[in-house]
Amino acid sequence: MKHIEPFWDNEYKNLDYRKEIFNDEYAIDEWRKQGYDNDVDYFSGKMANYSDILPSWHDKVLEWAEEEFQLKDIGCCYYRMKTNNIIPNHMDAYNVYTKKFNCKQEDVYKILVFLEDWKSGHYFEYEGGGNVSTLSELFKTHKQKLTWGDAIAIQIALAAMEVPEVRAHFFDYANRDRLDTSTEFGGVVELDEKGRYVIQEFEPQIRNHDRRFNAPQKMFDAAYTSLFHFHFHAQKYRNGNHAGPGMGDKNYANNTRANCLVLTFVNKTTMNVDYYRHGHVVVDLGTMTIN
């Protein structure tokens, strides 16, 4: 979940939105069992899509999605939900899209872009995790918690990301991680005797999951004099949904009091970088690319 500087105006507020009743009876039955007793009219919002008059900047949205996520055959639907409208947990089937483009459901990617910043009462959830604010990783969100030590650490991380040798090592290591489905890869960033940034790799203590890195004792020992602990979210090149530290990562930072980085593939040549530490402080440092 990332904040995007708007390249759109308020034109989306005046589209000809229309109501389409949620028609998955099985999903509605499951929601009823979970305690949702809403009238069925409140189980969806209103939409405007390719058959309607769209904003003048619509093509820019498609261009952004294609460039940012390296996608093709992109469709875009504008969706509006009023107060008390909800859609509980469900899975989209993409029946029309998969039939039109002769593809499988697992080949389809869904991107949610909130055209307005978070307001009180907004809530969305994916893969079991709840979110209330799209600003949670912005520098300004944590400015009351950040210390001069954080400022120095963030500046050091940004400087390291600009060093070609560091970028090359990170991408080489992340690509090896992508091919190994038994564990995540990780290590520490440190300075050598000449003050140069060095990435030190460590084998995990145990291998048991492609979304977990179990740091060995040797890494903890090296971390006493290092700049950052780091690990990758490199299960696939289009892994933006998993950018940023998870709850396990944040607990690790709380327990170790380490300054940490997590690097996540956005596409084959781009990784997102997040700085995090104890106290659930997370700051998105932007992206790093390899030519």
C-alpha atoms as a PDB file:
ATOM      1  CA  MET A   1       0.000   0.000   0.000  1.00  0.00           C
ATOM      2  CA  LYS A   2       1.656   3.191  -1.206  1.00  0.00           C
ATOM      3  CA  HIS A   3       0.754   6.866  -1.404  1.00  0.00           C
ATOM      4  CA  ILE A   4       0.629   8.319  -4.938  1.00  0.00           C
ATOM      5  CA  GLU A   5       0.902  11.997  -5.685  1.00  0.00           C
ATOM      6  CA  PRO A   6      -2.347  12.711  -7.591  1.00  0.00           C
ATOM      7  CA  PHE A   7      -2.101  13.290 -11.321  1.00  0.00           C
ATOM      8  CA  TRP A   8      -5.903  13.593 -11.514  1.00  0.00           C
ATOM      9  CA  ASP A   9      -8.429  16.282 -10.600  1.00  0.00           C
ATOM     10  CA  ASN A  10     -11.955  16.114  -9.150  1.00  0.00           C
ATOM     11  CA  GLU A  11     -13.569  15.096 -12.433  1.00  0.00           C
ATOM     12  CA  TYR A  12     -14.186  11.606 -11.024  1.00  0.00           C
ATOM     13  CA  LYS A  13     -16.731  13.046  -8.573  1.00  0.00           C
ATOM     14  CA  ASN A  14     -19.154  13.917 -11.366  1.00  0.00           C
ATOM     15  CA  LEU A  15     -19.188  10.688 -13.391  1.00  0.00           C
ATOM     16  CA  ASP A  16     -22.453   8.953 -14.212  1.00  0.00           C
ATOM     17  CA  TYR A  17     -22.167   6.244 -11.574  1.00  0.00           C
ATOM     18  CA  ARG A  18     -24.749   3.473 -11.600  1.00  0.00           C
ATOM     19  CA  LYS A  19     -25.722   0.887  -9.024  1.00  0.00           C
ATOM     20  CA  GLU A  20     -25.079  -2.791  -9.709  1.00  0.00           C
ATOM     21  CA  ILE A  21     -26.404  -5.158  -7.064  1.00  0.00           C
ATOM     22  CA  PHE A  22     -23.849  -7.720  -5.828  1.00  0.00           C
ATOM     23  CA  ASN A  23     -25.065 -10.961  -7.397  1.00  0.00           C
ATOM     24  CA  ASP A  24     -22.897 -13.684  -5.852  1.00  0.00           C
ATOM     25  CA  GLU A  25     -25.477 -15.549  -3.785  1.00  0.00           C
ATOM     26  CA  TYR A  26     -22.887 -17.872  -2.247  1.00  0.00           C
ATOM     27  CA  ALA A  27     -20.804 -14.935  -0.998  1.00  0.00           C
ATOM     28  CA  ILE A  28     -23.888 -13.190   0.392  1.00  0.00           C
ATOM     29  CA  ASP A  29     -24.900 -16.379   2.214  1.00  0.00           C
ATOM     30  CA  GLU A  30     -21.417 -16.610   3.761  1.00  0.00           C
ATOM     31  CA  TRP A  31     -21.612 -12.960   4.826  1.00  0.00           C
ATOM     32  CA  ARG A  32     -24.958 -13.589   6.498  1.00  0.00           C
ATOM     33  CA  LYS A  33     -23.366 -16.430   8.478  1.00  0.00           C
ATOM     34  CA  GLN A  34     -20.643 -13.984   9.568  1.00  0.00           C
ATOM     35  CA  GLY A  35     -23.278 -11.640  10.977  1.00  0.00           C
ATOM     36  CA  TYR A  36     -23.703  -9.100   8.170  1.00  0.00           C
ATOM     37  CA  ASP A  37     -27.429  -8.318   8.236  1.00  0.00           C
ATOM     38  CA  ASN A  38     -27.326  -5.368   5.828  1.00  0.00           C
ATOM     39  CA  ASP A  39     -29.923  -4.945   3.138  1.00  0.00           C
ATOM     40  CA  VAL A  40     -28.414  -6.385  -0.050  1.00  0.00           C
ATOM     41  CA  ASP A  41     -28.425  -2.882  -1.608  1.00  0.00           C
ATOM     42  CA  TYR A  42     -25.635  -1.892   0.804  1.00  0.00           C
ATOM     43  CA  PHE A  43     -23.343  -4.739  -0.295  1.00  0.00           C
ATOM     44  CA  SER A  44     -21.840  -2.668  -3.096  1.00  0.00           C
ATOM     45  CA  GLY A  45     -21.311   0.833  -4.394  1.00  0.00           C
ATOM     46  CA  LYS A  46     -21.834   2.488  -7.767  1.00  0.00           C
ATOM     47  CA  MET A  47     -19.566   2.243 -10.771  1.00  0.00           C
ATOM     48  CA  ALA A  48     -18.624   3.820 -14.091  1.00  0.00           C
ATOM     49  CA  ASN A  49     -16.565   1.851 -16.600  1.00  0.00           C
ATOM     50  CA  TYR A  50     -15.474   1.615 -20.247  1.00  0.00           C
ATOM     51  CA  SER A  51     -19.046   1.933 -21.557  1.00  0.00           C
ATOM     52  CA  ASP A  52     -19.551   5.277 -19.795  1.00  0.00           C
ATOM     53  CA  ILE A  53     -18.122   8.771 -20.204  1.00  0.00           C
ATOM     54  CA  LEU A  54     -14.775   8.660 -18.388  1.00  0.00           C
ATOM     55  CA  PRO A  55     -12.466  11.388 -17.009  1.00  0.00           C
ATOM     56  CA  SER A  56     -10.275  13.286 -19.452  1.00  0.00           C
ATOM     57  CA  TRP A  57      -7.196  11.855 -17.668  1.00  0.00           C
ATOM     58  CA  HIS A  58      -8.370   8.226 -17.941  1.00  0.00           C
ATOM     59  CA  ASP A  59      -5.611   7.300 -20.417  1.00  0.00           C
ATOM     60  CA  LYS A  60      -3.008   8.598 -17.976  1.00  0.00           C
ATOM     61  CA  VAL A  61      -4.291   6.090 -15.412  1.00  0.00           C
ATOM     62  CA  LEU A  62      -3.791   3.254 -17.897  1.00  0.00           C
ATOM     63  CA  GLU A  63      -0.316   4.515 -18.824  1.00  0.00           C
ATOM     64  CA  TRP A  64       0.654   4.764 -15.161  1.00  0.00           C
ATOM     65  CA  ALA A  65      -0.499   1.207 -14.427  1.00  0.00           C
ATOM     66  CA  GLU A  66       1.303  -0.166 -17.469  1.00  0.00           C
ATOM     67  CA  GLU A  67       4.575   1.557 -16.584  1.00  0.00           C
ATOM     68  CA  GLU A  68       4.428   1.023 -12.811  1.00  0.00           C
ATOM     69  CA  PHE A  69       3.466  -2.657 -12.877  1.00  0.00           C
ATOM     70  CA  GLN A  70       4.525  -3.789 -16.368  1.00  0.00           C
ATOM     71  CA  LEU A  71       0.997  -4.922 -17.238  1.00  0.00           C
ATOM     72  CA  LYS A  72      -0.950  -5.145 -20.487  1.00  0.00           C
ATOM     73  CA  ASP A  73      -4.641  -5.346 -21.510  1.00  0.00           C
ATOM     74  CA  ILE A  74      -5.556  -2.974 -18.680  1.00  0.00           C
ATOM     75  CA  GLY A  75      -9.150  -2.150 -17.855  1.00  0.00           C
ATOM     76  CA  CYS A  76     -10.283   0.512 -15.415  1.00  0.00           C
ATOM     77  CA  CYS A  77     -13.495   0.889 -13.445  1.00  0.00           C
ATOM     78  CA  TYR A  78     -14.318   3.919 -11.292  1.00  0.00           C
ATOM     79  CA  TYR A  79     -16.133   2.956  -8.117  1.00  0.00           C
ATOM     80  CA  ARG A  80     -17.854   5.030  -5.457  1.00  0.00           C
ATOM     81  CA  MET A  81     -19.137   3.869  -2.079  1.00  0.00           C
ATOM     82  CA  LYS A  82     -21.373   5.981   0.125  1.00  0.00           C
ATOM     83  CA  THR A  83     -21.597   5.965   3.907  1.00  0.00           C
ATOM     84  CA  ASN A  84     -22.658   2.505   5.179  1.00  0.00           C
ATOM     85  CA  ASN A  85     -21.803   0.785   1.877  1.00  0.00           C
ATOM     86  CA  ILE A  86     -19.618  -2.266   2.491  1.00  0.00           C
ATOM     87  CA  ILE A  87     -18.239  -5.241   0.591  1.00  0.00           C
ATOM     88  CA  PRO A  88     -17.064  -7.942   3.031  1.00  0.00           C
ATOM     89  CA  ASN A  89     -14.230 -10.340   2.181  1.00  0.00           C
ATOM     90  CA  HIS A  90     -14.716 -11.949  -1.225  1.00  0.00           C
ATOM     91  CA  MET A  91     -12.786 -13.084  -4.284  1.00  0.00           C
ATOM     92  CA  ASP A  92     -13.363 -11.632  -7.744  1.00  0.00           C
ATOM     93  CA  ALA A  93     -13.784 -14.242 -10.496  1.00  0.00           C
ATOM     94  CA  TYR A  94     -12.953 -11.948 -13.468  1.00  0.00           C
ATOM     95  CA  ASN A  95     -15.211 -14.058 -15.697  1.00  0.00           C
ATOM     96  CA  VAL A  96     -15.660 -11.393 -18.374  1.00  0.00           C
ATOM     97  CA  TYR A  97     -11.968 -10.462 -18.465  1.00  0.00           C
ATOM     98  CA  THR A  98     -10.607 -14.027 -18.574  1.00  0.00           C
ATOM     99  CA  LYS A  99     -13.024 -14.918 -21.351  1.00  0.00           C
ATOM    100  CA  LYS A 100     -12.229 -11.786 -23.375  1.00  0.00           C
ATOM    101  CA  PHE A 101      -8.440 -12.204 -23.140  1.00  0.00           C
ATOM    102  CA  ASN A 102      -8.365 -16.006 -22.966  1.00  0.00           C
ATOM    103  CA  CYS A 103      -6.388 -16.147 -19.735  1.00  0.00           C
ATOM    104  CA  LYS A 104      -6.598 -17.782 -16.315  1.00  0.00           C
ATOM    105  CA  GLN A 105      -7.801 -16.123 -13.129  1.00  0.00           C
ATOM    106  CA  GLU A 106      -4.324 -16.357 -11.567  1.00  0.00           C
ATOM    107  CA  ASP A 107      -2.940 -14.307 -14.492  1.00  0.00           C
ATOM    108  CA  VAL A 108      -5.101 -11.316 -13.568  1.00  0.00           C
ATOM    109  CA  TYR A 109      -3.821  -8.544 -11.293  1.00  0.00           C
ATOM    110  CA  LYS A 110      -6.080  -6.115  -9.482  1.00  0.00           C
ATOM    111  CA  ILE A 111      -4.837  -2.644  -8.530  1.00  0.00           C
ATOM    112  CA  LEU A 112      -6.840  -0.490  -6.131  1.00  0.00           C
ATOM    113  CA  VAL A 113      -6.200   3.247  -6.373  1.00  0.00           C
ATOM    114  CA  PHE A 114      -7.950   5.476  -3.861  1.00  0.00           C
ATOM    115  CA  LEU A 115      -8.558   8.808  -5.551  1.00  0.00           C
ATOM    116  CA  GLU A 116      -8.980  10.544  -2.199  1.00  0.00           C
ATOM    117  CA  ASP A 117      -6.736  10.419   0.877  1.00  0.00           C
ATOM    118  CA  TRP A 118      -7.959   8.515   3.894  1.00  0.00           C
ATOM    119  CA  LYS A 119     -10.785   9.970   5.959  1.00  0.00           C
ATOM    120  CA  SER A 120     -12.232   8.821   9.266  1.00  0.00           C
ATOM    121  CA  GLY A 121     -14.395   5.745   8.690  1.00  0.00           C
ATOM    122  CA  HIS A 122     -12.527   4.481   5.624  1.00  0.00           C
ATOM    123  CA  TYR A 123     -11.427   0.852   5.932  1.00  0.00           C
ATOM    124  CA  PHE A 124     -10.291  -1.816   3.543  1.00  0.00           C
ATOM    125  CA  GLU A 125      -8.825  -5.276   3.935  1.00  0.00           C
ATOM    126  CA  TYR A 126      -6.891  -7.723   1.766  1.00  0.00           C
ATOM    127  CA  GLU A 127      -5.451 -11.163   2.478  1.00  0.00           C
ATOM    128  CA  GLY A 128      -6.624 -10.988   6.063  1.00  0.00           C
ATOM    129  CA  GLY A 129      -4.981  -7.667   6.919  1.00  0.00           C
ATOM    130  CA  GLY A 130      -6.933  -4.545   7.776  1.00  0.00           C
ATOM    131  CA  ASN A 131      -5.907  -1.055   6.743  1.00  0.00           C
ATOM    132  CA  VAL A 132      -7.354   2.284   7.665  1.00  0.00           C
ATOM    133  CA  SER A 133      -4.895   4.760   6.165  1.00  0.00           C
ATOM    134  CA  THR A 134      -2.993   4.924   2.880  1.00  0.00           C
ATOM    135  CA  LEU A 135      -0.555   7.358   4.531  1.00  0.00           C
ATOM    136  CA  SER A 136       0.855   4.930   7.109  1.00  0.00           C
ATOM    137  CA  GLU A 137       4.317   4.786   5.505  1.00  0.00           C
ATOM    138  CA  LEU A 138       4.775   8.464   4.725  1.00  0.00           C
ATOM    139  CA  PHE A 139       7.570  10.336   6.499  1.00  0.00           C
ATOM    140  CA  LYS A 140       5.151  12.977   7.774  1.00  0.00           C
ATOM    141  CA  THR A 141       2.938  10.320   9.379  1.00  0.00           C
ATOM    142  CA  HIS A 142       5.693   9.412  11.846  1.00  0.00           C
ATOM    143  CA  LYS A 143       7.388  12.796  12.256  1.00  0.00           C
ATOM    144  CA  GLN A 144       6.352  13.022  15.910  1.00  0.00           C
ATOM    145  CA  LYS A 145       8.034   9.669  16.604  1.00  0.00           C
ATOM    146  CA  LEU A 146      11.154  10.078  14.492  1.00  0.00           C
ATOM    147  CA  THR A 147      14.447  10.954  16.158  1.00  0.00           C
ATOM    148  CA  TRP A 148      17.668  12.447  14.854  1.00  0.00           C
ATOM    149  CA  GLY A 149      18.930   8.859  14.773  1.00  0.00           C
ATOM    150  CA  ASP A 150      16.097   7.967  12.387  1.00  0.00           C
ATOM    151  CA  ALA A 151      16.920  10.949  10.192  1.00  0.00           C
ATOM    152  CA  ILE A 152      20.564   9.872   9.974  1.00  0.00           C
ATOM    153  CA  ALA A 153      19.618   6.231   9.320  1.00  0.00           C
ATOM    154  CA  ILE A 154      17.210   7.201   6.536  1.00  0.00           C
ATOM    155  CA  GLN A 155      19.812   9.471   4.952  1.00  0.00           C
ATOM    156  CA  ILE A 156      22.406   6.673   5.091  1.00  0.00           C
ATOM    157  CA  ALA A 157      19.969   4.206   3.507  1.00  0.00           C
ATOM    158  CA  LEU A 158      19.144   6.624   0.685  1.00  0.00           C
ATOM    159  CA  ALA A 159      22.851   7.250   0.092  1.00  0.00           C
ATOM    160  CA  ALA A 160      23.579   3.506  -0.037  1.00  0.00           C
ATOM    161  CA  MET A 161      20.794   3.009  -2.588  1.00  0.00           C
ATOM    162  CA  GLU A 162      22.594   5.414  -4.924  1.00  0.00           C
ATOM    163  CA  VAL A 163      25.804   3.341  -5.031  1.00  0.00           C
ATOM    164  CA  PRO A 164      25.845   1.190  -8.225  1.00  0.00           C
ATOM    165  CA  GLU A 165      27.720  -1.671  -6.553  1.00  0.00           C
ATOM    166  CA  VAL A 166      25.178  -1.772  -3.720  1.00  0.00           C
ATOM    167  CA  ARG A 167      22.245  -1.813  -6.138  1.00  0.00           C
ATOM    168  CA  ALA A 168      23.886  -4.555  -8.214  1.00  0.00           C
ATOM    169  CA  HIS A 169      24.498  -6.711  -5.133  1.00  0.00           C
ATOM    170  CA  PHE A 170      20.956  -6.215  -3.835  1.00  0.00           C
ATOM    171  CA  PHE A 171      19.401  -7.199  -7.168  1.00  0.00           C
ATOM    172  CA  ASP A 172      21.686 -10.206  -7.608  1.00  0.00           C
ATOM    173  CA  TYR A 173      20.880 -11.407  -4.087  1.00  0.00           C
ATOM    174  CA  ALA A 174      17.143 -10.765  -4.546  1.00  0.00           C
ATOM    175  CA  ASN A 175      17.089 -12.732  -7.802  1.00  0.00           C
ATOM    176  CA  ARG A 176      18.690 -15.680  -6.030  1.00  0.00           C
ATOM    177  CA  ASP A 177      16.032 -15.325  -3.336  1.00  0.00           C
ATOM    178  CA  ARG A 178      13.276 -15.390  -5.965  1.00  0.00           C
ATOM    179  CA  LEU A 179      14.514 -18.745  -7.239  1.00  0.00           C
ATOM    180  CA  ASP A 180      14.700 -20.282  -3.751  1.00  0.00           C
ATOM    181  CA  THR A 181      11.218 -21.096  -2.453  1.00  0.00           C
ATOM    182  CA  SER A 182      12.394 -22.550   0.864  1.00  0.00           C
ATOM    183  CA  THR A 183      13.132 -19.225   2.586  1.00  0.00           C
ATOM    184  CA  GLU A 184      13.497 -15.479   2.263  1.00  0.00           C
ATOM    185  CA  PHE A 185      17.058 -14.140   2.028  1.00  0.00           C
ATOM    186  CA  GLY A 186      18.565 -11.517   4.310  1.00  0.00           C
ATOM    187  CA  GLY A 187      21.661 -10.037   5.885  1.00  0.00           C
ATOM    188  CA  VAL A 188      23.153  -6.782   7.080  1.00  0.00           C
ATOM    189  CA  VAL A 189      24.414  -3.567   5.501  1.00  0.00           C
ATOM    190  CA  GLU A 190      27.682  -2.355   7.028  1.00  0.00           C
ATOM    191  CA  LEU A 191      30.729  -0.198   6.356  1.00  0.00           C
ATOM    192  CA  ASP A 192      34.149  -1.626   5.541  1.00  0.00           C
ATOM    193  CA  GLU A 193      37.463  -0.199   6.783  1.00  0.00           C
ATOM    194  CA  LYS A 194      37.433   2.364   3.967  1.00  0.00           C
ATOM    195  CA  GLY A 195      33.918   3.570   4.774  1.00  0.00           C
ATOM    196  CA  ARG A 196      32.306   1.825   1.802  1.00  0.00           C
ATOM    197  CA  TYR A 197      28.865   0.234   1.996  1.00  0.00           C
ATOM    198  CA  VAL A 198      29.039  -3.568   2.125  1.00  0.00           C
ATOM    199  CA  ILE A 199      26.240  -6.125   1.975  1.00  0.00           C
ATOM    200  CA  GLN A 200      26.904  -9.197   4.087  1.00  0.00           C
ATOM    201  CA  GLU A 201      24.798 -12.245   3.254  1.00  0.00           C
ATOM    202  CA  PHE A 202      23.731 -14.856   5.799  1.00  0.00           C
ATOM    203  CA  GLU A 203      22.221 -18.312   5.423  1.00  0.00           C
ATOM    204  CA  PRO A 204      18.963 -18.643   7.390  1.00  0.00           C
ATOM    205  CA  GLN A 205      19.048 -20.601  10.612  1.00  0.00           C
ATOM    206  CA  ILE A 206      16.319 -22.869   9.232  1.00  0.00           C
ATOM    207  CA  ARG A 207      14.418 -23.038   5.960  1.00  0.00           C
ATOM    208  CA  ASN A 208      10.699 -23.552   6.352  1.00  0.00           C
ATOM    209  CA  HIS A 209       8.761 -20.938   4.380  1.00  0.00           C
ATOM    210  CA  ASP A 210       9.154 -18.720   1.317  1.00  0.00           C
ATOM    211  CA  ARG A 211       7.791 -15.747   3.269  1.00  0.00           C
ATOM    212  CA  ARG A 212      10.028 -16.025   6.326  1.00  0.00           C
ATOM    213  CA  PHE A 213      13.711 -15.351   7.021  1.00  0.00           C
ATOM    214  CA  ASN A 214      15.060 -16.910  10.212  1.00  0.00           C
ATOM    215  CA  ALA A 215      18.175 -14.906  11.066  1.00  0.00           C
ATOM    216  CA  PRO A 216      21.122 -16.995  12.381  1.00  0.00           C
ATOM    217  CA  GLN A 217      23.145 -16.078  15.464  1.00  0.00           C
ATOM    218  CA  LYS A 218      26.092 -15.021  13.283  1.00  0.00           C
ATOM    219  CA  MET A 219      23.896 -12.341  11.744  1.00  0.00           C
ATOM    220  CA  PHE A 220      22.858 -11.034  15.170  1.00  0.00           C
ATOM    221  CA  ASP A 221      26.533 -10.907  16.158  1.00  0.00           C
ATOM    222  CA  ALA A 222      27.466  -8.964  13.008  1.00  0.00           C
ATOM    223  CA  ALA A 223      24.482  -6.660  13.457  1.00  0.00           C
ATOM    224  CA  TYR A 224      25.965  -5.045  16.576  1.00  0.00           C
ATOM    225  CA  THR A 225      28.276  -2.993  14.365  1.00  0.00           C
ATOM    226  CA  SER A 226      26.207  -2.886  11.165  1.00  0.00           C
ATOM    227  CA  LEU A 227      23.961  -0.153   9.805  1.00  0.00           C
ATOM    228  CA  PHE A 228      20.845  -2.179   8.959  1.00  0.00           C
ATOM    229  CA  HIS A 229      19.320  -5.614   9.105  1.00  0.00           C
ATOM    230  CA  PHE A 230      17.603  -6.348   5.775  1.00  0.00           C
ATOM    231  CA  HIS A 231      15.593  -9.014   3.995  1.00  0.00           C
ATOM    232  CA  PHE A 232      13.701  -9.347   0.722  1.00  0.00           C
ATOM    233  CA  HIS A 233      10.119  -9.861  -0.367  1.00  0.00           C
ATOM    234  CA  ALA A 234      11.179 -11.424  -3.660  1.00  0.00           C
ATOM    235  CA  GLN A 235       8.752 -14.284  -4.245  1.00  0.00           C
ATOM    236  CA  LYS A 236       7.944 -12.870  -7.689  1.00  0.00           C
ATOM    237  CA  TYR A 237       8.803  -9.809  -9.747  1.00  0.00           C
ATOM    238  CA  ARG A 238       5.334  -8.282  -9.416  1.00  0.00           C
ATOM    239  CA  ASN A 239       5.234  -8.435  -5.644  1.00  0.00           C
ATOM    240  CA  GLY A 240       4.020  -4.929  -4.827  1.00  0.00           C
ATOM    241  CA  ASN A 241       1.117  -6.261  -2.736  1.00  0.00           C
ATOM    242  CA  HIS A 242       3.690  -7.445  -0.192  1.00  0.00           C
ATOM    243  CA  ALA A 243       5.776  -4.265  -0.081  1.00  0.00           C
ATOM    244  CA  GLY A 244       6.712  -3.112   3.385  1.00  0.00           C
ATOM    245  CA  PRO A 245       7.253  -5.038   6.612  1.00  0.00           C
ATOM    246  CA  GLY A 246       4.677  -7.536   7.812  1.00  0.00           C
ATOM    247  CA  MET A 247       3.655  -8.026  11.428  1.00  0.00           C
ATOM    248  CA  GLY A 248       6.421 -10.613  11.921  1.00  0.00           C
ATOM    249  CA  ASP A 249       8.978  -8.134  10.587  1.00  0.00           C
ATOM    250  CA  LYS A 250       7.720  -5.413  12.913  1.00  0.00           C
ATOM    251  CA  ASN A 251       7.869  -7.781  15.884  1.00  0.00           C
ATOM    252  CA  TYR A 252      11.462  -8.617  14.917  1.00  0.00           C
ATOM    253  CA  ALA A 253      12.328  -4.913  14.941  1.00  0.00           C
ATOM    254  CA  ASN A 254      10.631  -4.496  18.327  1.00  0.00           C
ATOM    255  CA  ASN A 255      12.578  -7.416  19.793  1.00  0.00           C
ATOM    256  CA  THR A 256      15.996  -6.529  18.345  1.00  0.00           C
ATOM    257  CA  ARG A 257      15.713  -2.712  18.387  1.00  0.00           C
ATOM    258  CA  ALA A 258      17.506  -2.816  15.033  1.00  0.00           C
ATOM    259  CA  ASN A 259      17.152  -0.402  12.135  1.00  0.00           C
ATOM    260  CA  CYS A 260      15.794  -2.554   9.328  1.00  0.00           C
ATOM    261  CA  LEU A 261      15.179  -2.459   5.580  1.00  0.00           C
ATOM    262  CA  VAL A 262      12.831  -4.615   3.533  1.00  0.00           C
ATOM    263  CA  LEU A 263      13.275  -4.653  -0.242  1.00  0.00           C
ATOM    264  CA  THR A 264      10.359  -5.779  -2.414  1.00  0.00           C
ATOM    265  CA  PHE A 265      10.281  -6.479  -6.135  1.00  0.00           C
ATOM    266  CA  VAL A 266       7.880  -4.180  -7.987  1.00  0.00           C
ATOM    267  CA  ASN A 267       9.039  -5.470 -11.352  1.00  0.00           C
ATOM    268  CA  LYS A 268      12.161  -7.127 -12.728  1.00  0.00           C
ATOM    269  CA  THR A 269      14.273  -3.968 -12.592  1.00  0.00           C
ATOM    270  CA  THR A 270      12.693  -2.129  -9.651  1.00  0.00           C
ATOM    271  CA  MET A 271      12.518  -2.756  -5.914  1.00  0.00           C
ATOM    272  CA  ASN A 272      10.653  -0.769  -3.291  1.00  0.00           C
ATOM    273  CA  VAL A 273      12.612  -0.019  -0.106  1.00  0.00           C
ATOM    274  CA  ASP A 274      11.070   0.528   3.338  1.00  0.00           C
ATOM    275  CA  TYR A 275      12.873   1.577   6.517  1.00  0.00           C
ATOM    276  CA  TYR A 276      11.385   0.322   9.786  1.00  0.00           C
ATOM    277  CA  ARG A 277      12.274   0.023  13.450  1.00  0.00           C
ATOM    278  CA  HIS A 278      10.711  -0.662  16.844  1.00  0.00           C
ATOM    279  CA  GLY A 279       7.491   1.130  17.724  1.00  0.00           C
ATOM    280  CA  HIS A 280       5.904   0.189  14.364  1.00  0.00           C
ATOM    281  CA  VAL A 281       7.626   3.084  12.610  1.00  0.00           C
ATOM    282  CA  VAL A 282       7.715   2.450   8.853  1.00  0.00           C
ATOM    283  CA  VAL A 283       8.939   4.952   6.259  1.00  0.00           C
ATOM    284  CA  ASP A 284       8.713   4.285   2.528  1.00  0.00           C
ATOM    285  CA  LEU A 285      12.044   5.293   0.981  1.00  0.00           C
ATOM    286  CA  GLY A 286      10.824   4.958  -2.599  1.00  0.00           C
ATOM    287  CA  THR A 287      12.213   2.659  -5.267  1.00  0.00           C
ATOM    288  CA  MET A 288      15.612   1.492  -6.414  1.00  0.00           C
ATOM    289  CA  THR A 289      16.273   0.438 -10.014  1.00  0.00           C
ATOM    290  CA  ILE A 290      18.909  -1.549 -11.849  1.00  0.00           C
ATOM    291  CA  ASN A 291      19.823  -0.817 -15.467  1.00  0.00           C
END
